[in-house]
Every structure is written in structure tokens, then in C-alpha cells.
Amino acid sequence: MPTNEERAERGREILERYALQFGDPYDPRANLTDVLTDLMHTALMQPELGLEFHASLEMASWHFEAETEECGEK
């Protein structure tokens, strides 16, 4: 199982790659918003994938809470 540091690094890599291809390499906040927005569009416009963005976001929040609590990061 990855550590929270490894999870954070994966997230950073995703944002950096997105910034280089689609976004602004100097505005990580905007890139995070744009990644989330693009995923919302994917969930809406590609129903064959069976994605439920808001349910996934809620589940991700639960996972984050559990992962940070178990490591004493909160």
C-alpha cells in the first residue's frame, strides 16, 4: 500500500503532466480545477464508462480522511 507521501507525489506528477500538455505550468491551482472539471465532463459525456463524479469525489474524501487520520496527519 502506498504511503501518503507517495500518494502526494503521484498527485503532483498528474498535475505537472496536465500542466505541460493542457494547462499552465505556473498555476497549479488552476490546473487542479481544470483536471477536476475535465473529469466531470468525462463522467457526464461518456456514460458508457459508468462514472459518477460526485459519488467518487465523496468516496475520495472519505479515503483521504481515513488515510490522514491513521497516520496522525490531522
PDB file of N, CA and C in Angstrom:
ATOM      1  N   MET A   1       0.844  -1.167   0.000  1.00  0.00           N
ATOM      2  CA  MET A   1       0.000   0.000   0.000  1.00  0.00           C
ATOM      3  C   MET A   1       0.896   1.239   0.000  1.00  0.00           C
ATOM      4  N   PRO A   2       0.590   2.232  -0.840  1.00  0.00           N
ATOM      5  CA  PRO A   2       1.443   3.426  -0.901  1.00  0.00           C
ATOM      6  C   PRO A   2       1.305   4.273   0.366  1.00  0.00           C
ATOM      7  N   THR A   3       2.366   4.994   0.667  1.00  0.00           N
ATOM      8  CA  THR A   3       2.324   5.937   1.781  1.00  0.00           C
ATOM      9  C   THR A   3       1.627   7.218   1.323  1.00  0.00           C
ATOM     10  N   ASN A   4       1.274   8.065   2.274  1.00  0.00           N
ATOM     11  CA  ASN A   4       0.659   9.338   1.903  1.00  0.00           C
ATOM     12  C   ASN A   4       1.640  10.226   1.151  1.00  0.00           C
ATOM     13  N   GLU A   5       2.918  10.107   1.442  1.00  0.00           N
ATOM     14  CA  GLU A   5       3.929  10.857   0.685  1.00  0.00           C
ATOM     15  C   GLU A   5       3.949  10.394  -0.775  1.00  0.00           C
ATOM     16  N   GLU A   6       3.837   9.077  -0.969  1.00  0.00           N
ATOM     17  CA  GLU A   6       3.800   8.543  -2.342  1.00  0.00           C
ATOM     18  C   GLU A   6       2.526   8.980  -3.054  1.00  0.00           C
ATOM     19  N   ARG A   7       1.414   8.976  -2.351  1.00  0.00           N
ATOM     20  CA  ARG A   7       0.155   9.447  -2.943  1.00  0.00           C
ATOM     21  C   ARG A   7       0.270  10.908  -3.353  1.00  0.00           C
ATOM     22  N   ALA A   8       0.859  11.709  -2.474  1.00  0.00           N
ATOM     23  CA  ALA A   8       1.028  13.132  -2.774  1.00  0.00           C
ATOM     24  C   ALA A   8       1.919  13.328  -4.004  1.00  0.00           C
ATOM     25  N   GLU A   9       2.963  12.543  -4.101  1.00  0.00           N
ATOM     26  CA  GLU A   9       3.862  12.656  -5.250  1.00  0.00           C
ATOM     27  C   GLU A   9       3.156  12.247  -6.548  1.00  0.00           C
ATOM     28  N   ARG A  10       2.324  11.201  -6.478  1.00  0.00           N
ATOM     29  CA  ARG A  10       1.554  10.803  -7.675  1.00  0.00           C
ATOM     30  C   ARG A  10       0.643  11.942  -8.114  1.00  0.00           C
ATOM     31  N   GLY A  11      -0.019  12.568  -7.148  1.00  0.00           N
ATOM     32  CA  GLY A  11      -0.887  13.692  -7.471  1.00  0.00           C
ATOM     33  C   GLY A  11      -0.111  14.828  -8.112  1.00  0.00           C
ATOM     34  N   ARG A  12       1.061  15.122  -7.570  1.00  0.00           N
ATOM     35  CA  ARG A  12       1.902  16.184  -8.136  1.00  0.00           C
ATOM     36  C   ARG A  12       2.298  15.848  -9.574  1.00  0.00           C
ATOM     37  N   GLU A  13       2.664  14.600  -9.802  1.00  0.00           N
ATOM     38  CA  GLU A  13       3.042  14.184 -11.164  1.00  0.00           C
ATOM     39  C   GLU A  13       1.874  14.342 -12.131  1.00  0.00           C
ATOM     40  N   ILE A  14       0.685  13.987 -11.705  1.00  0.00           N
ATOM     41  CA  ILE A  14      -0.502  14.147 -12.557  1.00  0.00           C
ATOM     42  C   ILE A  14      -0.687  15.612 -12.916  1.00  0.00           C
ATOM     43  N   LEU A  15      -0.607  16.481 -11.913  1.00  0.00           N
ATOM     44  CA  LEU A  15      -0.790  17.911 -12.174  1.00  0.00           C
ATOM     45  C   LEU A  15       0.305  18.467 -13.073  1.00  0.00           C
ATOM     46  N   GLU A  16       1.535  18.036 -12.871  1.00  0.00           N
ATOM     47  CA  GLU A  16       2.632  18.511 -13.715  1.00  0.00           C
ATOM     48  C   GLU A  16       2.452  18.073 -15.166  1.00  0.00           C
ATOM     49  N   ARG A  17       2.061  16.824 -15.364  1.00  0.00           N
ATOM     50  CA  ARG A  17       1.833  16.337 -16.734  1.00  0.00           C
ATOM     51  C   ARG A  17       0.668  17.068 -17.394  1.00  0.00           C
ATOM     52  N   TYR A  18      -0.400  17.283 -16.632  1.00  0.00           N
ATOM     53  CA  TYR A  18      -1.551  18.020 -17.155  1.00  0.00           C
ATOM     54  C   TYR A  18      -1.121  19.430 -17.546  1.00  0.00           C
ATOM     55  N   ALA A  19      -0.363  20.072 -16.674  1.00  0.00           N
ATOM     56  CA  ALA A  19       0.077  21.444 -16.933  1.00  0.00           C
ATOM     57  C   ALA A  19       0.897  21.525 -18.217  1.00  0.00           C
ATOM     58  N   LEU A  20       1.779  20.572 -18.421  1.00  0.00           N
ATOM     59  CA  LEU A  20       2.626  20.587 -19.609  1.00  0.00           C
ATOM     60  C   LEU A  20       1.829  20.385 -20.891  1.00  0.00           C
ATOM     61  N   GLN A  21       0.811  19.553 -20.836  1.00  0.00           N
ATOM     62  CA  GLN A  21       0.065  19.242 -22.046  1.00  0.00           C
ATOM     63  C   GLN A  21      -1.123  20.168 -22.279  1.00  0.00           C
ATOM     64  N   PHE A  22      -1.826  20.556 -21.211  1.00  0.00           N
ATOM     65  CA  PHE A  22      -3.081  21.276 -21.393  1.00  0.00           C
ATOM     66  C   PHE A  22      -3.178  22.589 -20.620  1.00  0.00           C
ATOM     67  N   GLY A  23      -2.420  22.720 -19.554  1.00  0.00           N
ATOM     68  CA  GLY A  23      -2.665  23.811 -18.629  1.00  0.00           C
ATOM     69  C   GLY A  23      -1.588  24.866 -18.592  1.00  0.00           C
ATOM     70  N   ASP A  24      -1.414  25.414 -17.403  1.00  0.00           N
ATOM     71  CA  ASP A  24      -0.473  26.496 -17.153  1.00  0.00           C
ATOM     72  C   ASP A  24       0.573  25.996 -16.165  1.00  0.00           C
ATOM     73  N   PRO A  25       1.821  25.859 -16.600  1.00  0.00           N
ATOM     74  CA  PRO A  25       2.842  25.321 -15.705  1.00  0.00           C
ATOM     75  C   PRO A  25       3.123  26.204 -14.493  1.00  0.00           C
ATOM     76  N   TYR A  26       2.578  27.417 -14.484  1.00  0.00           N
ATOM     77  CA  TYR A  26       2.819  28.339 -13.373  1.00  0.00           C
ATOM     78  C   TYR A  26       1.603  28.525 -12.477  1.00  0.00           C
ATOM     79  N   ASP A  27       0.537  27.757 -12.717  1.00  0.00           N
ATOM     80  CA  ASP A  27      -0.678  27.932 -11.919  1.00  0.00           C
ATOM     81  C   ASP A  27      -1.255  26.587 -11.505  1.00  0.00           C
ATOM     82  N   PRO A  28      -0.653  25.945 -10.487  1.00  0.00           N
ATOM     83  CA  PRO A  28      -1.134  24.628 -10.084  1.00  0.00           C
ATOM     84  C   PRO A  28      -2.575  24.633  -9.579  1.00  0.00           C
ATOM     85  N   ARG A  29      -3.025  25.734  -8.991  1.00  0.00           N
ATOM     86  CA  ARG A  29      -4.419  25.796  -8.529  1.00  0.00           C
ATOM     87  C   ARG A  29      -5.384  25.700  -9.706  1.00  0.00           C
ATOM     88  N   ALA A  30      -5.092  26.439 -10.756  1.00  0.00           N
ATOM     89  CA  ALA A  30      -5.946  26.393 -11.949  1.00  0.00           C
ATOM     90  C   ALA A  30      -5.893  25.006 -12.579  1.00  0.00           C
ATOM     91  N   ASN A  31      -4.733  24.389 -12.577  1.00  0.00           N
ATOM     92  CA  ASN A  31      -4.612  23.049 -13.158  1.00  0.00           C
ATOM     93  C   ASN A  31      -5.420  22.024 -12.385  1.00  0.00           C
ATOM     94  N   LEU A  32      -5.417  22.114 -11.058  1.00  0.00           N
ATOM     95  CA  LEU A  32      -6.229  21.208 -10.259  1.00  0.00           C
ATOM     96  C   LEU A  32      -7.705  21.383 -10.599  1.00  0.00           C
ATOM     97  N   THR A  33      -8.143  22.625 -10.667  1.00  0.00           N
ATOM     98  CA  THR A  33      -9.538  22.903 -11.043  1.00  0.00           C
ATOM     99  C   THR A  33      -9.845  22.362 -12.425  1.00  0.00           C
ATOM    100  N   ASP A  34      -8.940  22.561 -13.365  1.00  0.00           N
ATOM    101  CA  ASP A  34      -9.169  22.100 -14.735  1.00  0.00           C
ATOM    102  C   ASP A  34      -9.196  20.577 -14.837  1.00  0.00           C
ATOM    103  N   VAL A  35      -8.331  19.890 -14.097  1.00  0.00           N
ATOM    104  CA  VAL A  35      -8.345  18.418 -14.101  1.00  0.00           C
ATOM    105  C   VAL A  35      -9.691  17.915 -13.585  1.00  0.00           C
ATOM    106  N   LEU A  36     -10.126  18.477 -12.460  1.00  0.00           N
ATOM    107  CA  LEU A  36     -11.416  18.056 -11.899  1.00  0.00           C
ATOM    108  C   LEU A  36     -12.565  18.361 -12.848  1.00  0.00           C
ATOM    109  N   THR A  37     -12.517  19.527 -13.471  1.00  0.00           N
ATOM    110  CA  THR A  37     -13.571  19.900 -14.420  1.00  0.00           C
ATOM    111  C   THR A  37     -13.589  18.956 -15.615  1.00  0.00           C
ATOM    112  N   ASP A  38     -12.413  18.634 -16.150  1.00  0.00           N
ATOM    113  CA  ASP A  38     -12.339  17.709 -17.282  1.00  0.00           C
ATOM    114  C   ASP A  38     -12.898  16.342 -16.897  1.00  0.00           C
ATOM    115  N   LEU A  39     -12.605  15.886 -15.687  1.00  0.00           N
ATOM    116  CA  LEU A  39     -13.138  14.600 -15.242  1.00  0.00           C
ATOM    117  C   LEU A  39     -14.652  14.647 -15.075  1.00  0.00           C
ATOM    118  N   MET A  40     -15.163  15.779 -14.646  1.00  0.00           N
ATOM    119  CA  MET A  40     -16.623  15.930 -14.558  1.00  0.00           C
ATOM    120  C   MET A  40     -17.246  15.817 -15.950  1.00  0.00           C
ATOM    121  N   HIS A  41     -16.615  16.452 -16.936  1.00  0.00           N
ATOM    122  CA  HIS A  41     -17.123  16.361 -18.310  1.00  0.00           C
ATOM    123  C   HIS A  41     -17.056  14.928 -18.830  1.00  0.00           C
ATOM    124  N   THR A  42     -15.978  14.228 -18.502  1.00  0.00           N
ATOM    125  CA  THR A  42     -15.849  12.833 -18.920  1.00  0.00           C
ATOM    126  C   THR A  42     -16.988  12.002 -18.343  1.00  0.00           C
ATOM    127  N   ALA A  43     -17.241  12.163 -17.047  1.00  0.00           N
ATOM    128  CA  ALA A  43     -18.316  11.397 -16.403  1.00  0.00           C
ATOM    129  C   ALA A  43     -19.670  11.693 -17.031  1.00  0.00           C
ATOM    130  N   LEU A  44     -19.905  12.942 -17.379  1.00  0.00           N
ATOM    131  CA  LEU A  44     -21.189  13.330 -17.963  1.00  0.00           C
ATOM    132  C   LEU A  44     -21.334  12.859 -19.408  1.00  0.00           C
ATOM    133  N   MET A  45     -20.293  13.053 -20.198  1.00  0.00           N
ATOM    134  CA  MET A  45     -20.415  12.862 -21.637  1.00  0.00           C
ATOM    135  C   MET A  45     -20.041  11.461 -22.123  1.00  0.00           C
ATOM    136  N   GLN A  46     -19.513  10.642 -21.217  1.00  0.00           N
ATOM    137  CA  GLN A  46     -19.157   9.278 -21.595  1.00  0.00           C
ATOM    138  C   GLN A  46     -19.817   8.297 -20.625  1.00  0.00           C
ATOM    139  N   PRO A  47     -21.154   8.219 -20.678  1.00  0.00           N
ATOM    140  CA  PRO A  47     -21.885   7.386 -19.718  1.00  0.00           C
ATOM    141  C   PRO A  47     -21.520   5.912 -19.786  1.00  0.00           C
ATOM    142  N   GLU A  48     -20.999   5.480 -20.908  1.00  0.00           N
ATOM    143  CA  GLU A  48     -20.614   4.069 -21.042  1.00  0.00           C
ATOM    144  C   GLU A  48     -19.515   3.679 -20.045  1.00  0.00           C
ATOM    145  N   LEU A  49     -18.817   4.667 -19.511  1.00  0.00           N
ATOM    146  CA  LEU A  49     -17.778   4.391 -18.522  1.00  0.00           C
ATOM    147  C   LEU A  49     -18.360   4.112 -17.135  1.00  0.00           C
ATOM    148  N   GLY A  50     -19.613   4.505 -16.929  1.00  0.00           N
ATOM    149  CA  GLY A  50     -20.277   4.259 -15.658  1.00  0.00           C
ATOM    150  C   GLY A  50     -19.731   5.084 -14.504  1.00  0.00           C
ATOM    151  N   LEU A  51     -19.202   6.264 -14.803  1.00  0.00           N
ATOM    152  CA  LEU A  51     -18.624   7.116 -13.767  1.00  0.00           C
ATOM    153  C   LEU A  51     -19.687   7.979 -13.107  1.00  0.00           C
ATOM    154  N   GLU A  52     -19.557   8.142 -11.816  1.00  0.00           N
ATOM    155  CA  GLU A  52     -20.419   9.046 -11.052  1.00  0.00           C
ATOM    156  C   GLU A  52     -19.488   9.989 -10.308  1.00  0.00           C
ATOM    157  N   PHE A  53     -19.227  11.147 -10.892  1.00  0.00           N
ATOM    158  CA  PHE A  53     -18.187  12.030 -10.379  1.00  0.00           C
ATOM    159  C   PHE A  53     -18.400  12.397  -8.920  1.00  0.00           C
ATOM    160  N   HIS A  54     -19.584  12.886  -8.580  1.00  0.00           N
ATOM    161  CA  HIS A  54     -19.801  13.370  -7.210  1.00  0.00           C
ATOM    162  C   HIS A  54     -19.707  12.236  -6.188  1.00  0.00           C
ATOM    163  N   ALA A  55     -20.186  11.063  -6.535  1.00  0.00           N
ATOM    164  CA  ALA A  55     -20.055   9.911  -5.636  1.00  0.00           C
ATOM    165  C   ALA A  55     -18.584   9.542  -5.465  1.00  0.00           C
ATOM    166  N   SER A  56     -17.819   9.604  -6.542  1.00  0.00           N
ATOM    167  CA  SER A  56     -16.391   9.298  -6.470  1.00  0.00           C
ATOM    168  C   SER A  56     -15.650  10.352  -5.653  1.00  0.00           C
ATOM    169  N   LEU A  57     -16.038  11.609  -5.803  1.00  0.00           N
ATOM    170  CA  LEU A  57     -15.411  12.674  -5.028  1.00  0.00           C
ATOM    171  C   LEU A  57     -15.697  12.503  -3.537  1.00  0.00           C
ATOM    172  N   GLU A  58     -16.909  12.131  -3.216  1.00  0.00           N
ATOM    173  CA  GLU A  58     -17.262  11.888  -1.815  1.00  0.00           C
ATOM    174  C   GLU A  58     -16.466  10.705  -1.258  1.00  0.00           C
ATOM    175  N   MET A  59     -16.353   9.638  -2.031  1.00  0.00           N
ATOM    176  CA  MET A  59     -15.582   8.471  -1.592  1.00  0.00           C
ATOM    177  C   MET A  59     -14.106   8.847  -1.432  1.00  0.00           C
ATOM    178  N   ALA A  60     -13.584   9.642  -2.346  1.00  0.00           N
ATOM    179  CA  ALA A  60     -12.190  10.087  -2.239  1.00  0.00           C
ATOM    180  C   ALA A  60     -11.979  10.892  -0.963  1.00  0.00           C
ATOM    181  N   SER A  61     -12.954  11.710  -0.598  1.00  0.00           N
ATOM    182  CA  SER A  61     -12.853  12.485   0.642  1.00  0.00           C
ATOM    183  C   SER A  61     -12.808  11.564   1.856  1.00  0.00           C
ATOM    184  N   TRP A  62     -13.625  10.522   1.850  1.00  0.00           N
ATOM    185  CA  TRP A  62     -13.616   9.556   2.953  1.00  0.00           C
ATOM    186  C   TRP A  62     -12.262   8.852   3.045  1.00  0.00           C
ATOM    187  N   HIS A  63     -11.748   8.449   1.884  1.00  0.00           N
ATOM    188  CA  HIS A  63     -10.440   7.775   1.865  1.00  0.00           C
ATOM    189  C   HIS A  63      -9.364   8.706   2.413  1.00  0.00           C
ATOM    190  N   PHE A  64      -9.384   9.947   1.972  1.00  0.00           N
ATOM    191  CA  PHE A  64      -8.396  10.920   2.420  1.00  0.00           C
ATOM    192  C   PHE A  64      -8.456  11.102   3.934  1.00  0.00           C
ATOM    193  N   GLU A  65      -9.666  11.245   4.448  1.00  0.00           N
ATOM    194  CA  GLU A  65      -9.838  11.407   5.896  1.00  0.00           C
ATOM    195  C   GLU A  65      -9.262  10.205   6.642  1.00  0.00           C
ATOM    196  N   ALA A  66      -9.579   9.011   6.202  1.00  0.00           N
ATOM    197  CA  ALA A  66      -9.092   7.803   6.864  1.00  0.00           C
ATOM    198  C   ALA A  66      -7.571   7.692   6.762  1.00  0.00           C
ATOM    199  N   GLU A  67      -7.022   7.988   5.596  1.00  0.00           N
ATOM    200  CA  GLU A  67      -5.578   7.854   5.392  1.00  0.00           C
ATOM    201  C   GLU A  67      -4.792   8.881   6.187  1.00  0.00           C
ATOM    202  N   THR A  68      -5.318  10.082   6.325  1.00  0.00           N
ATOM    203  CA  THR A  68      -4.599  11.097   7.096  1.00  0.00           C
ATOM    204  C   THR A  68      -4.765  10.887   8.593  1.00  0.00           C
ATOM    205  N   GLU A  69      -5.915  10.374   9.023  1.00  0.00           N
ATOM    206  CA  GLU A  69      -6.139  10.107  10.440  1.00  0.00           C
ATOM    207  C   GLU A  69      -5.257   8.954  10.931  1.00  0.00           C
ATOM    208  N   GLU A  70      -5.147   7.894  10.111  1.00  0.00           N
ATOM    209  CA  GLU A  70      -4.381   6.723  10.559  1.00  0.00           C
ATOM    210  C   GLU A  70      -2.889   7.031  10.660  1.00  0.00           C
ATOM    211  N   CYS A  71      -2.447   8.078   9.988  1.00  0.00           N
ATOM    212  CA  CYS A  71      -1.036   8.455  10.050  1.00  0.00           C
ATOM    213  C   CYS A  71      -0.804   9.627  10.989  1.00  0.00           C
ATOM    214  N   GLY A  72      -1.853  10.082  11.672  1.00  0.00           N
ATOM    215  CA  GLY A  72      -1.713  11.197  12.592  1.00  0.00           C
ATOM    216  C   GLY A  72      -1.409  12.511  11.911  1.00  0.00           C
ATOM    217  N   GLU A  73      -1.855  12.661  10.664  1.00  0.00           N
ATOM    218  CA  GLU A  73      -1.578  13.876   9.893  1.00  0.00           C
ATOM    219  C   GLU A  73      -2.646  14.945  10.087  1.00  0.00           C
ATOM    220  N   LYS A  74      -3.670  14.642  10.878  1.00  0.00           N
ATOM    221  CA  LYS A  74      -4.728  15.622  11.091  1.00  0.00           C
ATOM    222  C   LYS A  74      -4.660  16.171  12.482  1.00  0.00           C
TER     223      LYS A  74
END
